[in-house]
N, C-alpha and C. Protein backbone atom coordinates (compact mmCIF):
# COMPACT_ATOMS: atom_id res chain seq x y z
N MET A 1 0.60 -1.17 0.02
CA MET A 1 -0.07 -0.02 0.07
C MET A 1 0.93 1.21 -0.02
N SER A 2 0.49 2.19 -0.57
CA SER A 2 1.22 3.48 -0.56
C SER A 2 1.00 4.39 0.63
N GLU A 3 1.76 5.34 0.67
CA GLU A 3 1.49 6.16 2.10
C GLU A 3 0.14 7.08 1.87
N ASP A 4 -0.16 7.43 0.61
CA ASP A 4 -1.47 8.00 0.41
C ASP A 4 -2.67 7.18 0.89
N SER A 5 -2.53 5.86 0.32
CA SER A 5 -3.68 5.03 0.63
C SER A 5 -3.72 4.82 2.15
N ASP A 6 -2.68 4.65 2.81
CA ASP A 6 -2.51 4.58 4.17
C ASP A 6 -3.16 5.44 5.00
N ASN A 7 -2.82 6.87 4.58
CA ASN A 7 -3.53 8.05 5.13
C ASN A 7 -4.98 8.14 4.83
N GLU A 8 -5.43 7.68 3.89
CA GLU A 8 -6.86 7.56 3.44
C GLU A 8 -7.52 6.73 4.42
N ILE A 9 -6.90 5.59 4.57
CA ILE A 9 -7.38 4.59 5.68
C ILE A 9 -7.46 5.04 7.02
N LEU A 10 -6.51 5.84 7.34
CA LEU A 10 -6.47 6.28 8.71
C LEU A 10 -7.47 7.40 8.80
N GLU A 11 -7.70 8.27 7.86
CA GLU A 11 -8.82 9.37 7.73
C GLU A 11 -10.19 8.66 7.85
N MET A 12 -10.33 7.52 7.24
CA MET A 12 -11.65 6.71 7.32
C MET A 12 -11.78 6.39 8.64
N LEU A 13 -10.87 5.85 8.91
CA LEU A 13 -10.92 5.31 10.51
C LEU A 13 -11.22 6.40 11.55
N HIS A 14 -10.69 7.62 11.39
CA HIS A 14 -10.87 8.59 12.27
C HIS A 14 -12.32 9.05 12.18
N THR A 15 -12.95 9.09 10.92
CA THR A 15 -14.26 9.28 10.67
C THR A 15 -15.28 8.34 11.38
N TRP A 16 -15.12 7.11 11.08
CA TRP A 16 -15.99 6.03 11.69
C TRP A 16 -15.92 5.85 13.19
N THR A 17 -14.64 6.08 13.68
CA THR A 17 -14.60 5.83 15.17
C THR A 17 -15.31 6.87 15.99
N ARG A 18 -15.58 8.03 15.37
CA ARG A 18 -16.27 9.10 16.23
C ARG A 18 -17.56 8.53 16.90
N SER A 19 -18.14 7.41 16.29
CA SER A 19 -19.45 7.06 16.84
C SER A 19 -19.22 6.01 17.86
N LEU A 20 -18.03 5.58 18.28
CA LEU A 20 -17.84 4.62 19.23
C LEU A 20 -17.41 5.42 20.50
N SER A 21 -17.44 4.62 21.65
CA SER A 21 -16.94 5.19 22.68
C SER A 21 -15.57 5.70 22.79
N PRO A 22 -15.26 6.82 23.48
CA PRO A 22 -13.83 7.30 23.30
C PRO A 22 -12.71 6.35 23.53
N GLU A 23 -12.87 5.50 24.44
CA GLU A 23 -11.74 4.57 24.58
C GLU A 23 -11.76 3.54 23.57
N LEU A 24 -12.83 3.15 23.07
CA LEU A 24 -12.67 2.08 21.90
C LEU A 24 -12.12 2.73 20.64
N ALA A 25 -12.71 3.96 20.45
CA ALA A 25 -12.23 4.67 19.13
C ALA A 25 -10.74 4.82 19.29
N ALA A 26 -10.31 5.25 20.41
CA ALA A 26 -8.78 5.55 20.50
C ALA A 26 -7.98 4.19 20.38
N PHE A 27 -8.47 3.07 21.02
CA PHE A 27 -7.91 1.77 20.84
C PHE A 27 -7.74 1.49 19.38
N ILE A 28 -8.88 1.39 18.77
CA ILE A 28 -8.83 1.02 17.24
C ILE A 28 -8.11 1.80 16.29
N ARG A 29 -8.15 3.17 16.51
CA ARG A 29 -7.15 4.12 15.86
C ARG A 29 -5.67 3.66 16.20
N GLY A 30 -5.26 3.35 17.33
CA GLY A 30 -4.12 3.04 17.84
C GLY A 30 -3.64 1.83 16.99
N LEU A 31 -4.52 0.77 16.86
CA LEU A 31 -4.18 -0.37 15.98
C LEU A 31 -3.86 -0.07 14.58
N GLY A 32 -4.65 0.71 14.06
CA GLY A 32 -4.40 1.22 12.65
C GLY A 32 -3.12 2.02 12.42
N THR A 33 -2.77 2.76 13.45
CA THR A 33 -1.47 3.20 13.28
C THR A 33 -0.28 2.47 13.72
N LEU A 34 -0.51 1.38 14.44
CA LEU A 34 0.53 0.57 15.20
C LEU A 34 1.02 -0.53 13.90
N GLU A 35 0.04 -1.02 13.27
CA GLU A 35 0.25 -2.19 12.38
C GLU A 35 -0.07 -2.03 10.95
N PRO A 36 0.87 -1.76 10.03
CA PRO A 36 0.36 -1.47 8.62
C PRO A 36 -0.56 -2.54 7.97
N ASP A 37 -0.30 -3.70 8.46
CA ASP A 37 -1.04 -4.91 7.86
C ASP A 37 -2.54 -4.96 8.26
N ILE A 38 -2.76 -4.26 9.53
CA ILE A 38 -4.13 -4.06 9.88
C ILE A 38 -4.81 -2.87 9.07
N ARG A 39 -4.41 -2.04 8.59
CA ARG A 39 -5.12 -0.93 7.84
C ARG A 39 -5.81 -1.49 6.77
N PRO A 40 -5.42 -2.40 5.92
CA PRO A 40 -6.31 -2.80 4.88
C PRO A 40 -7.60 -3.70 5.48
N LEU A 41 -7.37 -4.46 6.81
CA LEU A 41 -8.48 -5.20 7.23
C LEU A 41 -9.57 -4.06 7.84
N ILE A 42 -9.09 -2.96 8.26
CA ILE A 42 -9.88 -1.69 8.63
C ILE A 42 -10.62 -1.31 7.47
N ALA A 43 -9.91 -1.05 6.51
CA ALA A 43 -10.46 -0.42 5.06
C ALA A 43 -11.72 -1.38 4.55
N GLU A 44 -11.31 -2.66 4.40
CA GLU A 44 -11.95 -3.55 4.02
C GLU A 44 -13.43 -3.70 4.84
N HIS A 45 -13.33 -3.64 6.21
CA HIS A 45 -14.26 -3.67 7.19
C HIS A 45 -15.23 -2.51 6.94
N ILE A 46 -14.77 -1.40 6.81
CA ILE A 46 -15.49 -0.15 6.73
C ILE A 46 -16.30 -0.29 5.23
N HIS A 47 -15.61 -0.81 4.19
CA HIS A 47 -16.23 -0.97 2.91
C HIS A 47 -17.40 -1.89 3.08
N ASP A 48 -17.29 -2.97 3.75
CA ASP A 48 -18.19 -3.97 3.97
C ASP A 48 -19.52 -3.77 4.73
N TYR A 49 -19.20 -2.98 5.88
CA TYR A 49 -20.22 -2.69 6.70
C TYR A 49 -20.64 -1.06 6.75
N ASP A 50 -20.03 -0.37 6.15
CA ASP A 50 -20.25 1.21 6.15
C ASP A 50 -20.12 1.65 7.49
N GLU A 51 -19.48 1.17 8.44
CA GLU A 51 -19.14 1.55 9.90
C GLU A 51 -18.11 0.61 10.53
N ILE A 52 -17.82 0.77 11.59
CA ILE A 52 -16.86 0.01 12.44
C ILE A 52 -17.79 -0.82 13.50
N LEU A 53 -17.70 -2.04 13.33
CA LEU A 53 -18.36 -2.93 14.43
C LEU A 53 -17.06 -3.50 15.05
N PRO A 54 -16.81 -3.09 16.16
CA PRO A 54 -15.56 -3.44 16.97
C PRO A 54 -15.40 -4.97 17.08
N SER A 55 -16.45 -5.63 17.45
CA SER A 55 -16.29 -7.21 17.71
C SER A 55 -15.90 -7.79 16.32
N LEU A 56 -16.40 -7.33 15.28
CA LEU A 56 -16.24 -8.14 14.08
C LEU A 56 -14.59 -7.85 13.52
N LEU A 57 -14.44 -6.42 13.60
CA LEU A 57 -13.17 -5.97 13.38
C LEU A 57 -11.94 -6.73 14.16
N MET A 58 -12.15 -6.96 15.55
CA MET A 58 -11.24 -7.42 16.30
C MET A 58 -11.15 -8.85 16.01
N ALA A 59 -12.22 -9.67 15.58
CA ALA A 59 -12.08 -10.99 15.15
C ALA A 59 -11.47 -11.24 13.83
N ASP A 60 -11.47 -10.28 12.92
CA ASP A 60 -10.54 -10.10 11.75
C ASP A 60 -9.14 -9.95 12.15
N ILE A 61 -8.90 -9.23 13.09
CA ILE A 61 -7.46 -9.05 13.63
C ILE A 61 -7.02 -10.31 14.12
N ALA A 62 -7.85 -10.82 15.04
CA ALA A 62 -7.39 -12.28 15.53
C ALA A 62 -7.14 -13.32 14.43
N ARG A 63 -7.80 -13.38 13.45
CA ARG A 63 -7.55 -14.16 12.32
C ARG A 63 -6.37 -13.93 11.67
N TRP A 64 -6.06 -12.66 11.41
CA TRP A 64 -4.83 -12.09 10.87
C TRP A 64 -3.65 -12.46 11.76
N THR A 65 -3.80 -12.31 13.06
CA THR A 65 -2.66 -12.80 13.94
C THR A 65 -2.47 -14.11 13.99
N SER A 66 -3.52 -15.09 13.93
CA SER A 66 -3.28 -16.51 13.76
C SER A 66 -2.53 -16.85 12.50
N ARG A 67 -2.93 -16.14 11.36
CA ARG A 67 -2.27 -16.63 10.04
C ARG A 67 -0.80 -16.18 10.07
N THR A 68 -0.72 -15.08 10.74
CA THR A 68 0.60 -14.39 10.74
C THR A 68 1.56 -15.18 11.65
N ALA A 69 1.16 -15.73 12.79
CA ALA A 69 1.79 -16.70 13.69
C ALA A 69 2.25 -18.03 12.91
N ARG A 70 1.36 -18.50 12.10
CA ARG A 70 1.77 -19.62 11.33
C ARG A 70 2.67 -19.48 10.30
N GLU A 71 2.71 -18.22 9.58
CA GLU A 71 3.38 -18.11 8.38
C GLU A 71 4.70 -17.52 8.58
N ASN A 72 5.00 -17.01 9.77
CA ASN A 72 6.30 -16.32 9.93
C ASN A 72 7.36 -17.28 10.73
N ALA A 73 8.63 -17.15 10.37
CA ALA A 73 9.64 -18.05 10.95
C ALA A 73 9.79 -17.57 12.45
N ASP A 74 9.56 -16.24 12.79
CA ASP A 74 9.79 -15.74 14.09
C ASP A 74 8.48 -15.06 14.54
N PRO A 75 7.37 -15.68 14.79
CA PRO A 75 6.08 -14.95 14.93
C PRO A 75 6.37 -14.05 16.27
N ALA A 76 6.92 -14.39 17.15
CA ALA A 76 7.19 -13.62 18.33
C ALA A 76 7.60 -12.19 18.22
N VAL A 77 8.52 -11.99 17.21
CA VAL A 77 9.19 -10.75 16.92
C VAL A 77 8.10 -10.06 16.08
N ARG A 78 7.57 -10.73 15.12
CA ARG A 78 6.66 -10.17 14.11
C ARG A 78 5.40 -9.59 14.97
N LEU A 79 4.79 -10.35 15.86
CA LEU A 79 3.65 -9.98 16.50
C LEU A 79 3.70 -9.24 17.84
N ASP A 80 4.91 -9.08 18.30
CA ASP A 80 5.10 -8.34 19.48
C ASP A 80 4.51 -7.04 19.75
N PRO A 81 4.76 -6.33 18.71
CA PRO A 81 4.11 -4.89 18.78
C PRO A 81 2.57 -4.88 19.06
N LEU A 82 1.83 -5.62 18.37
CA LEU A 82 0.31 -5.79 18.56
C LEU A 82 0.06 -6.43 19.93
N LEU A 83 0.66 -7.62 20.21
CA LEU A 83 0.28 -8.19 21.50
C LEU A 83 0.61 -7.45 22.72
N THR A 84 1.84 -6.66 22.54
CA THR A 84 2.02 -5.75 23.76
C THR A 84 1.11 -4.69 23.85
N ARG A 85 0.65 -4.28 22.64
CA ARG A 85 -0.42 -3.13 22.74
C ARG A 85 -1.77 -3.70 23.40
N LEU A 86 -2.05 -4.95 23.02
CA LEU A 86 -3.35 -5.63 23.54
C LEU A 86 -3.13 -5.75 24.94
N GLU A 87 -1.97 -6.27 25.57
CA GLU A 87 -1.71 -6.45 26.97
C GLU A 87 -1.92 -5.03 27.62
N GLN A 88 -1.25 -4.01 27.19
CA GLN A 88 -1.34 -2.81 27.78
C GLN A 88 -2.83 -2.00 27.77
N ALA A 89 -3.40 -2.34 26.68
CA ALA A 89 -4.88 -1.78 26.60
C ALA A 89 -5.76 -2.71 27.60
N TRP A 90 -5.47 -3.88 27.92
CA TRP A 90 -6.24 -4.54 28.92
C TRP A 90 -6.53 -3.81 30.16
N GLY A 91 -5.46 -2.96 30.56
CA GLY A 91 -5.69 -2.24 31.72
C GLY A 91 -5.91 -3.19 33.03
N ASP A 92 -7.03 -2.79 33.71
CA ASP A 92 -7.45 -3.52 34.95
C ASP A 92 -8.51 -4.64 34.47
N GLY A 93 -8.75 -4.84 33.19
CA GLY A 93 -9.77 -5.85 32.99
C GLY A 93 -11.15 -5.49 33.21
N GLN A 94 -11.48 -4.29 33.51
CA GLN A 94 -12.78 -3.94 33.78
C GLN A 94 -13.19 -2.60 33.04
N ASN A 95 -13.04 -2.86 31.61
CA ASN A 95 -13.45 -1.66 30.94
C ASN A 95 -13.83 -2.17 29.32
N ALA A 96 -14.20 -1.31 28.65
CA ALA A 96 -14.92 -1.81 27.26
C ALA A 96 -13.73 -2.26 26.40
N VAL A 97 -12.44 -1.81 26.60
CA VAL A 97 -11.46 -2.27 25.65
C VAL A 97 -11.10 -3.86 26.22
N SER A 98 -11.00 -3.79 27.25
CA SER A 98 -10.64 -5.40 27.87
C SER A 98 -11.76 -6.20 27.47
N ASP A 99 -13.03 -5.82 27.37
CA ASP A 99 -14.14 -6.66 27.04
C ASP A 99 -14.01 -7.14 25.63
N LEU A 100 -13.65 -6.02 24.69
CA LEU A 100 -13.39 -6.43 23.38
C LEU A 100 -12.31 -7.29 23.20
N ILE A 101 -11.05 -7.11 23.77
CA ILE A 101 -9.95 -7.92 23.55
C ILE A 101 -10.32 -9.36 24.04
N ALA A 102 -11.01 -9.47 25.17
CA ALA A 102 -11.53 -10.72 25.77
C ALA A 102 -12.46 -11.66 24.66
N THR A 103 -13.61 -11.05 24.32
CA THR A 103 -14.41 -11.64 23.67
C THR A 103 -14.15 -11.65 22.20
N SER A 104 -13.37 -10.90 21.57
CA SER A 104 -13.24 -10.75 19.99
C SER A 104 -11.82 -11.19 19.67
N PHE A 105 -10.89 -11.22 20.55
CA PHE A 105 -9.57 -11.55 20.45
C PHE A 105 -9.10 -13.04 20.88
N VAL A 106 -9.01 -12.90 22.28
CA VAL A 106 -8.65 -14.07 23.10
C VAL A 106 -9.65 -15.20 22.61
N GLU A 107 -11.01 -15.08 22.65
CA GLU A 107 -11.85 -16.20 22.37
C GLU A 107 -11.68 -16.67 21.02
N ASN A 108 -11.03 -15.81 20.00
CA ASN A 108 -10.92 -16.32 18.76
C ASN A 108 -9.67 -16.90 18.48
N VAL A 109 -8.63 -16.79 19.44
CA VAL A 109 -7.29 -17.45 19.13
C VAL A 109 -7.17 -18.49 20.19
N TYR A 110 -8.07 -18.76 21.09
CA TYR A 110 -7.95 -19.75 22.21
C TYR A 110 -7.48 -21.11 21.71
N ASP A 111 -7.78 -21.45 20.52
CA ASP A 111 -7.36 -22.74 19.94
C ASP A 111 -6.20 -22.77 18.98
N GLN A 112 -5.43 -21.64 19.00
CA GLN A 112 -4.35 -21.42 18.24
C GLN A 112 -2.97 -21.44 19.06
N PRO A 113 -2.41 -22.47 19.44
CA PRO A 113 -1.31 -22.56 20.20
C PRO A 113 -0.18 -21.56 19.89
N GLU A 114 -0.05 -21.35 18.61
CA GLU A 114 1.26 -20.54 18.05
C GLU A 114 0.88 -19.05 18.53
N VAL A 115 -0.29 -18.72 18.81
CA VAL A 115 -0.58 -17.45 19.44
C VAL A 115 -0.74 -17.45 20.91
N VAL A 116 -1.34 -18.35 21.30
CA VAL A 116 -1.57 -18.35 22.79
C VAL A 116 -0.38 -18.41 23.53
N ARG A 117 0.63 -18.96 22.95
CA ARG A 117 1.99 -19.00 23.60
C ARG A 117 2.81 -17.62 23.80
N LEU A 118 2.32 -16.74 22.71
CA LEU A 118 2.91 -15.46 22.84
C LEU A 118 2.13 -14.42 23.51
N LEU A 119 0.91 -14.73 24.21
CA LEU A 119 0.10 -13.92 25.00
C LEU A 119 0.97 -13.31 26.14
N GLY A 120 0.71 -12.12 26.73
CA GLY A 120 1.34 -11.55 27.77
C GLY A 120 0.39 -12.20 29.01
N PRO A 121 0.99 -11.77 30.10
CA PRO A 121 0.35 -12.42 31.42
C PRO A 121 -1.10 -12.02 31.58
N LYS A 122 -1.62 -10.88 31.28
CA LYS A 122 -3.07 -10.60 31.55
C LYS A 122 -3.91 -11.31 30.52
N LEU A 123 -3.50 -11.38 29.27
CA LEU A 123 -4.28 -12.21 28.30
C LEU A 123 -4.23 -13.61 28.48
N THR A 124 -3.16 -14.21 28.94
CA THR A 124 -2.84 -15.51 29.35
C THR A 124 -3.89 -15.86 30.52
N ARG A 125 -3.95 -14.96 31.49
CA ARG A 125 -4.85 -15.19 32.51
C ARG A 125 -6.11 -15.29 32.10
N TYR A 126 -6.56 -14.40 31.32
CA TYR A 126 -8.04 -14.42 30.76
C TYR A 126 -8.29 -15.83 29.99
N TYR A 127 -7.18 -16.16 29.03
CA TYR A 127 -7.30 -17.31 28.46
C TYR A 127 -7.50 -18.51 29.25
N ARG A 128 -6.73 -18.69 30.28
CA ARG A 128 -6.77 -19.80 31.30
C ARG A 128 -8.17 -19.74 31.97
N ILE A 129 -8.77 -18.66 32.44
CA ILE A 129 -10.20 -18.60 32.76
C ILE A 129 -11.05 -19.06 31.82
N TYR A 130 -10.93 -18.62 30.59
CA TYR A 130 -11.99 -18.71 29.45
C TYR A 130 -11.96 -20.45 29.22
N THR A 131 -10.77 -20.92 29.32
CA THR A 131 -10.72 -22.34 28.89
C THR A 131 -10.70 -23.10 30.16
N GLY A 132 -11.18 -22.73 31.22
CA GLY A 132 -11.46 -23.61 32.44
C GLY A 132 -10.27 -24.06 33.14
N GLN A 133 -9.11 -23.45 32.89
CA GLN A 133 -7.94 -24.01 33.48
C GLN A 133 -7.54 -23.17 34.74
N ALA A 134 -8.32 -22.13 35.04
CA ALA A 134 -8.33 -21.27 36.08
C ALA A 134 -9.50 -20.67 36.52
N HIS A 135 -9.83 -20.29 37.78
CA HIS A 135 -10.98 -19.60 38.01
C HIS A 135 -10.98 -18.29 38.39
N ALA A 136 -11.69 -17.29 37.96
CA ALA A 136 -11.78 -15.80 38.16
C ALA A 136 -11.88 -15.53 39.47
N ASP A 137 -11.00 -14.61 39.98
CA ASP A 137 -11.01 -13.99 41.44
C ASP A 137 -12.28 -12.93 41.49
N ALA A 138 -12.43 -12.62 42.60
CA ALA A 138 -13.53 -11.65 42.76
C ALA A 138 -13.19 -10.40 42.18
N SER A 139 -12.07 -10.03 42.11
CA SER A 139 -11.55 -8.83 41.48
C SER A 139 -11.67 -8.88 40.02
N GLU A 140 -11.67 -10.01 39.40
CA GLU A 140 -11.58 -10.29 37.90
C GLU A 140 -13.14 -10.40 37.36
N LYS A 141 -14.15 -10.35 38.34
CA LYS A 141 -15.37 -10.50 37.89
C LYS A 141 -15.92 -9.04 37.71
N ARG A 142 -16.68 -8.67 36.60
CA ARG A 142 -17.31 -7.33 36.44
C ARG A 142 -18.57 -7.31 37.30
N PRO A 143 -18.64 -6.28 37.92
CA PRO A 143 -19.96 -6.05 38.74
C PRO A 143 -21.13 -6.09 37.96
N ILE A 144 -22.18 -6.53 38.40
CA ILE A 144 -23.61 -6.45 37.71
C ILE A 144 -24.02 -5.03 37.73
N PRO A 145 -24.38 -4.47 36.55
CA PRO A 145 -25.00 -3.17 36.57
C PRO A 145 -26.20 -3.09 37.39
N LYS A 146 -26.40 -1.96 38.14
CA LYS A 146 -27.53 -1.63 38.78
C LYS A 146 -29.03 -1.89 37.87
N VAL A 147 -28.91 -1.53 36.71
CA VAL A 147 -30.08 -1.60 35.81
C VAL A 147 -30.33 -3.17 35.71
N VAL A 148 -29.38 -3.82 35.57
CA VAL A 148 -29.63 -5.32 35.18
C VAL A 148 -30.23 -6.05 36.37
N LYS A 149 -29.84 -5.62 37.73
CA LYS A 149 -30.27 -6.10 38.87
C LYS A 149 -31.77 -5.79 38.82
N GLN A 150 -32.15 -4.40 38.51
CA GLN A 150 -33.46 -3.95 38.60
C GLN A 150 -34.39 -4.80 37.64
N ILE A 151 -33.78 -5.00 36.48
CA ILE A 151 -34.56 -5.92 35.40
C ILE A 151 -34.92 -7.39 36.10
N ALA A 152 -33.85 -7.99 36.50
CA ALA A 152 -34.01 -9.23 37.12
C ALA A 152 -34.98 -9.36 38.17
N ARG A 153 -34.90 -8.24 39.10
CA ARG A 153 -35.90 -8.30 40.12
C ARG A 153 -37.29 -8.20 39.56
N LYS A 154 -37.63 -7.28 38.65
CA LYS A 154 -38.85 -7.16 37.83
C LYS A 154 -39.20 -8.46 37.15
N LEU A 155 -38.32 -9.12 36.72
CA LEU A 155 -38.71 -10.45 35.97
C LEU A 155 -39.15 -11.39 37.00
N ARG A 156 -38.56 -11.51 38.11
CA ARG A 156 -38.95 -12.45 39.04
C ARG A 156 -40.35 -12.17 39.51
N ARG A 157 -40.79 -10.87 39.56
CA ARG A 157 -42.00 -10.51 40.03
C ARG A 157 -43.16 -11.10 38.98
N SER A 158 -42.78 -11.06 37.79
CA SER A 158 -43.90 -11.24 36.77
C SER A 158 -44.23 -12.83 36.84
């Protein structure tokens, strides 16, 4: 891809991420600037859906990661910038970005040992919980939102 088309993709990304929560938008924009091979995935995603659907886009990135891990002689070096960024973005595991990474990345690569072995400690911990190899601590469980509790109470009354 040329620098002009890369810039066009990044501009498209900026336009479409305005409709996302600020933290998700910043995370996705960051992925587009971090990894040149992800830019075409983003452009194709926008072309196909006329918007950014974070879960679907992250699943595409997970598939790209799996393919890249299989096809590279040294996948750790090739994928380190992306996997380091995912590890950093995980934060405390209690935010929209970590939810996206968990459900649309880790849960899409859980059966790809060439990727799993490259995950950092936070993503590995989630992988182990997801696959039943570990149990979540109380601090790792997201609190149930007040509105969900209210709905549950209302449904029990019906």
